[in-house]
Structure formats: structure tokens, C-alpha cells
Amino acid sequence: MKATRVTFLVVAFSISPVASSAAFAQEYAALKGVKSAKVVFDVRTGVPKVAALQLKLIRQTNKDLIAEKKAPVTNVVFIGQSVKLVSSSREGFAPEDLPLLDEIAEAVRDLSRDGIGLELCLFAAKIHKVEPASVLPEITKVENGYISIIGYQAQGYTLVPVY
């Protein structure tokens, strides 16, 4: 029996997965008939690496909804431990977390520039000993983040938990 030789050619591209995903994705069946999207992201994680990635994904989600012509209205509410990550204070963080806190601050600036509403729960800030004056300036401070989330949902916003 004669052996058959098979050769595979592997071609690699250096393309960002986020930037290139739209070119390969199917249409969103879930968006058929949707004219606009109102969304509130409930951000609670206190892990810098996780929060940095999640904030980038929130921004990308908003951009994707714009690309899909769904006229998004997007808000982010920082509750729980996440309030520590959007403060200018770096007290209590490990040295390896400091670059991630810089990424988070940049992500907050980007979200704000994109017109995304940002709120922080002062109740959580008090619990986690975050000085209100240290909160990044792009973020609106509210007494109770739960009230904001309740209000957004009552207005028809979709809640996306980001834990």
C-alpha cells in the first residue's frame, strides 16, 4: 500500500480578536426588530484585572450596538468593591495592581468620552472607606446605587450584571 503525504499550510494573522470578530460573526438573531438598546451595567468586581477587562468589554459592547445601528443608551453603576477601583487612591493595592488601576482610569475616561453614563454608589464608598473626593471626576456620585439600577430598569433599561 502506497503512503499518501498530506501537507497543511498554516497562515497566521496578527489581528486583534475584538477588532476582527465582527468580520467573522453571524448577524445577531437577538437584535432582529430591535431599534434601540438601553442598558445599565451593574459593576461590582473588586479585582483589578477582571474590572479592566470588563470595562473594555462594556465599551466594545456599546460600539458594537452602534455598529448594529441600535442607538444604544448605556450607563454603568459602580457598586460594592468596584468603588475602590475607580478612586485616585492607590492605598491597599499590591504594586502589580497599579498598572491595572491606570488601565481602569483610562477605560473610565474612554467610556465617558463615548457618552456612557457613569455612577458610583456612595453607600458602597463609605463601606469600603473610599473618600468621595477621590472618585474619578468622570463619575457621578449617587447616594445609593441600587436606586439608580431600580430607576434604570423601571425606564426599560436591560440590566447586565458585571460581577
Protein backbone atom coordinates (compact mmCIF):
# COMPACT_ATOMS: atom_id res chain seq x y z
CA MET A 1 0.00 0.00 0.00
CA LYS A 2 1.41 3.39 -1.01
CA ALA A 3 1.61 6.09 1.69
CA THR A 4 -0.09 9.41 0.94
CA ARG A 5 1.59 12.57 2.05
CA VAL A 6 -0.63 15.43 3.16
CA THR A 7 0.77 18.90 3.68
CA PHE A 8 -1.07 21.60 5.57
CA LEU A 9 -0.33 25.25 5.12
CA VAL A 10 -0.97 27.31 8.21
CA VAL A 11 -1.38 31.03 7.74
CA ALA A 12 -1.33 33.22 10.81
CA PHE A 13 -2.60 36.76 11.03
CA SER A 14 -1.90 39.20 13.80
CA ILE A 15 -5.31 40.76 14.22
CA SER A 16 -6.94 41.86 17.43
CA PRO A 17 -9.73 39.41 18.30
CA VAL A 18 -12.02 42.27 19.29
CA ALA A 19 -11.40 44.27 16.13
CA SER A 20 -11.71 41.30 13.81
CA SER A 21 -14.63 39.46 15.38
CA ALA A 22 -17.26 41.47 13.51
CA ALA A 23 -15.83 40.34 10.18
CA PHE A 24 -16.40 36.69 11.07
CA ALA A 25 -19.54 36.87 13.20
CA GLN A 26 -23.04 35.96 12.18
CA GLU A 27 -25.80 38.54 12.48
CA TYR A 28 -27.32 38.77 15.94
CA ALA A 29 -30.66 36.99 15.75
CA ALA A 30 -31.44 38.51 19.16
CA LEU A 31 -31.29 42.02 17.66
CA LYS A 32 -33.79 41.44 14.85
CA GLY A 33 -36.51 44.06 15.15
CA VAL A 34 -34.67 45.95 17.90
CA LYS A 35 -34.50 49.67 17.13
CA SER A 36 -32.66 50.84 20.25
CA ALA A 37 -30.91 49.36 23.26
CA LYS A 38 -30.99 50.86 26.73
CA VAL A 39 -28.58 49.08 29.06
CA VAL A 40 -27.26 49.52 32.59
CA PHE A 41 -24.16 47.61 33.65
CA ASP A 42 -24.04 46.74 37.37
CA VAL A 43 -20.28 46.61 38.05
CA ARG A 44 -19.27 45.07 41.38
CA THR A 45 -15.95 43.29 41.00
CA GLY A 46 -13.07 44.43 43.17
CA VAL A 47 -10.44 42.51 41.17
CA PRO A 48 -8.40 44.99 39.09
CA LYS A 49 -7.56 42.56 36.26
CA VAL A 50 -11.19 41.49 35.90
CA ALA A 51 -12.54 45.05 36.07
CA ALA A 52 -10.06 46.35 33.48
CA LEU A 53 -11.18 43.67 31.02
CA GLN A 54 -14.88 44.13 31.81
CA LEU A 55 -14.76 47.90 31.27
CA LYS A 56 -13.11 47.35 27.88
CA LEU A 57 -15.87 44.87 27.01
CA ILE A 58 -18.57 47.33 28.09
CA ARG A 59 -17.06 49.94 25.77
CA GLN A 60 -16.82 47.42 22.93
CA THR A 61 -20.43 46.34 23.51
CA ASN A 62 -21.56 49.95 23.18
CA LYS A 63 -19.52 50.33 19.96
CA ASP A 64 -20.95 47.07 18.59
CA LEU A 65 -24.51 48.25 19.30
CA ILE A 66 -23.72 51.48 17.44
CA ALA A 67 -22.31 49.47 14.52
CA GLU A 68 -25.51 47.40 14.52
CA LYS A 69 -27.48 50.69 14.35
CA LYS A 70 -29.29 50.01 17.64
CA ALA A 71 -28.93 53.54 19.10
CA PRO A 72 -27.61 52.47 22.50
CA VAL A 73 -28.09 54.44 25.69
CA THR A 74 -25.57 52.98 28.11
CA ASN A 75 -24.91 53.52 31.80
CA VAL A 76 -22.51 51.94 34.28
CA VAL A 77 -23.15 51.84 38.02
CA PHE A 78 -20.20 51.00 40.30
CA ILE A 79 -21.38 49.19 43.43
CA GLY A 80 -19.67 47.09 46.09
CA GLN A 81 -15.93 46.56 45.92
CA SER A 82 -15.65 48.12 42.46
CA VAL A 83 -15.78 51.56 44.07
CA LYS A 84 -12.19 51.07 45.28
CA LEU A 85 -11.00 50.64 41.68
CA VAL A 86 -12.33 54.00 40.43
CA SER A 87 -10.66 56.09 43.10
CA SER A 88 -7.44 58.04 42.68
CA SER A 89 -6.26 56.47 45.96
CA ARG A 90 -3.93 53.50 45.48
CA GLU A 91 -3.79 52.63 49.18
CA GLY A 92 -4.08 48.92 49.93
CA PHE A 93 -3.29 47.72 46.40
CA ALA A 94 -0.37 45.48 45.51
CA PRO A 95 2.35 47.01 43.31
CA GLU A 96 1.40 44.69 40.44
CA ASP A 97 -2.15 46.09 40.51
CA LEU A 98 -1.08 49.71 39.95
CA PRO A 99 -0.80 49.45 36.12
CA LEU A 100 -4.26 47.83 36.07
CA LEU A 101 -5.67 50.73 38.08
CA ASP A 102 -4.21 53.05 35.44
CA GLU A 103 -5.96 50.96 32.76
CA ILE A 104 -9.23 51.23 34.67
CA ALA A 105 -8.89 55.02 34.95
CA GLU A 106 -8.21 55.23 31.19
CA ALA A 107 -11.20 52.98 30.49
CA VAL A 108 -13.41 55.25 32.60
CA ARG A 109 -12.19 58.29 30.62
CA ASP A 110 -12.89 56.43 27.35
CA LEU A 111 -16.38 55.42 28.47
CA SER A 112 -17.14 58.99 29.46
CA ARG A 113 -15.85 60.34 26.12
CA ASP A 114 -18.11 57.83 24.37
CA GLY A 115 -21.13 59.33 26.15
CA ILE A 116 -21.65 56.43 28.53
CA GLY A 117 -23.11 57.48 31.88
CA LEU A 118 -21.07 56.55 34.95
CA GLU A 119 -22.32 56.47 38.54
CA LEU A 120 -20.82 55.40 41.85
CA CYS A 121 -22.70 54.28 44.97
CA LEU A 122 -21.67 56.43 47.93
CA PHE A 123 -23.07 53.84 50.34
CA ALA A 124 -20.53 51.35 48.97
CA ALA A 125 -17.82 54.02 49.06
CA LYS A 126 -18.48 54.56 52.77
CA ILE A 127 -18.41 50.80 53.50
CA HIS A 128 -15.13 50.38 51.58
CA LYS A 129 -13.58 53.57 53.00
CA VAL A 130 -13.32 55.39 49.66
CA GLU A 131 -13.24 59.17 50.02
CA PRO A 132 -15.87 60.66 47.68
CA ALA A 133 -13.38 63.38 46.64
CA SER A 134 -11.01 60.65 45.36
CA VAL A 135 -13.56 59.22 42.89
CA LEU A 136 -12.53 59.75 39.27
CA PRO A 137 -14.06 63.03 38.02
CA GLU A 138 -15.95 61.41 35.13
CA ILE A 139 -18.15 59.51 37.57
CA THR A 140 -21.34 60.95 39.10
CA LYS A 141 -21.78 60.09 42.77
CA VAL A 142 -25.20 58.88 43.94
CA GLU A 143 -26.25 58.02 47.49
CA ASN A 144 -27.48 54.53 46.65
CA GLY A 145 -26.50 52.63 43.50
CA TYR A 146 -29.41 50.23 43.93
CA ILE A 147 -31.80 53.16 43.48
CA SER A 148 -30.09 54.03 40.19
CA ILE A 149 -30.36 50.45 38.96
CA ILE A 150 -34.01 50.25 40.02
CA GLY A 151 -34.71 53.53 38.23
CA TYR A 152 -32.97 52.48 35.03
CA GLN A 153 -34.86 49.19 34.97
CA ALA A 154 -38.16 51.00 35.57
CA GLN A 155 -37.31 53.10 32.49
CA GLY A 156 -36.89 49.95 30.38
CA TYR A 157 -33.12 49.50 30.61
CA THR A 158 -31.72 45.99 30.38
CA LEU A 159 -29.65 45.07 33.43
CA VAL A 160 -26.28 43.43 32.74
CA PRO A 161 -24.63 42.17 35.93
CA VAL A 162 -20.83 42.52 35.86
CA TYR A 163 -19.56 40.59 38.86
